[in-house]
Amino acid sequence: MKITLLTIFCFISLNTYSQKLKKYNGEYKNGKALYEYYEDENYDRKYHGNFKYENDERNFNTVVFGAFQNNIQNGEWYYKRFHKHSANSIIILGNYKNGHKNGTWSYNQTSEPLLNGNNNDKIKQNIYFIELKNDTLINNFSLKNVNGQFNSKGHFLGKWTASEGNYKFIAEFKKNTLIKLIEIKKSTGKIISKYIPQNIQWENENFYLKFTKNKLGVYGLQTNYNEKIEQIRSINRFFKLLDKEFNPFDSYDYVFLKNSNINLPKFIFKKEKK
């Protein structure tokens, strides 16, 4: 009986929406869009159904396909941005569930120098995949400049490496807590900073934002003020690099593309004396 009532309710709801649904085809955020919608009691538009967006700029084209259910993104979404006069393009493909990124997302980037002269050898293609649960990165991933692993809850696991330009980072996590971070200049091998707190009885705390407030109570930092500041800068640079790698494409180039989130790890703090 419950199933019958639920089926009838869903049928009535869908039928109500189908009677109210309207289509729009026209200008939208510096481009054009074709989508279905209905109006609520305050006459605000609510997306419901297929959505298509195109933006024809001077040198670039952007195309977005997807679908909404009661003003919430659901199902597969496709984003493509390509250069009109070269092979440069970005294709992003993934699924939303109740407005959040879920499952495997793919990023396909083709790069070509603008003055390539039709030399296909200089065209590069990078394809990588990330897994998400409600917008948060989880499990294994494959990126160009970062190697590491999350668990199913988005917690940091084991050894990580990351690089940017002439600098590389080596990090290690235990129970989602940073226990090692070394920044090295690749060309010379010079160690820029080294953070390796000793094994002690410690408390950890989700404290990354405190770095931006110059809170220096982290256990394991150098006693020399300049070295301490360099350690903090390295930690900030490392996590900013991760954010950049996991969100490599400016979301303002696409409509309805949400950023991927990183569950920031914990850090070892000095215990305050009571």
Foldseek 3Di string as FASTA:
>chain_A
DVVVVVVVVVVVVVVVCVVFKDWDWADDDQWTKIFIWGADPVGDTAGAFKIWTWHDDPFKIKIKIFGDHRNAGFAKIWIKMATPQDGFMWIKIFGDDRRFTAAKIKIKTWDDPSPRVPPCVRIDIDMWMFGDDRLETAAAIDFDFKGFHHHRVQAGAAWMKGDDDQKIWIWTDDPSETQWIWIARNVVRDTQAIFHADDDDFDKDLCLVVLVVVDQQFGRADPPPVRNNSVSVRVVVVVVRVQCRQFVDDCVVDPSDDGHDHDHGITTGDDDDD
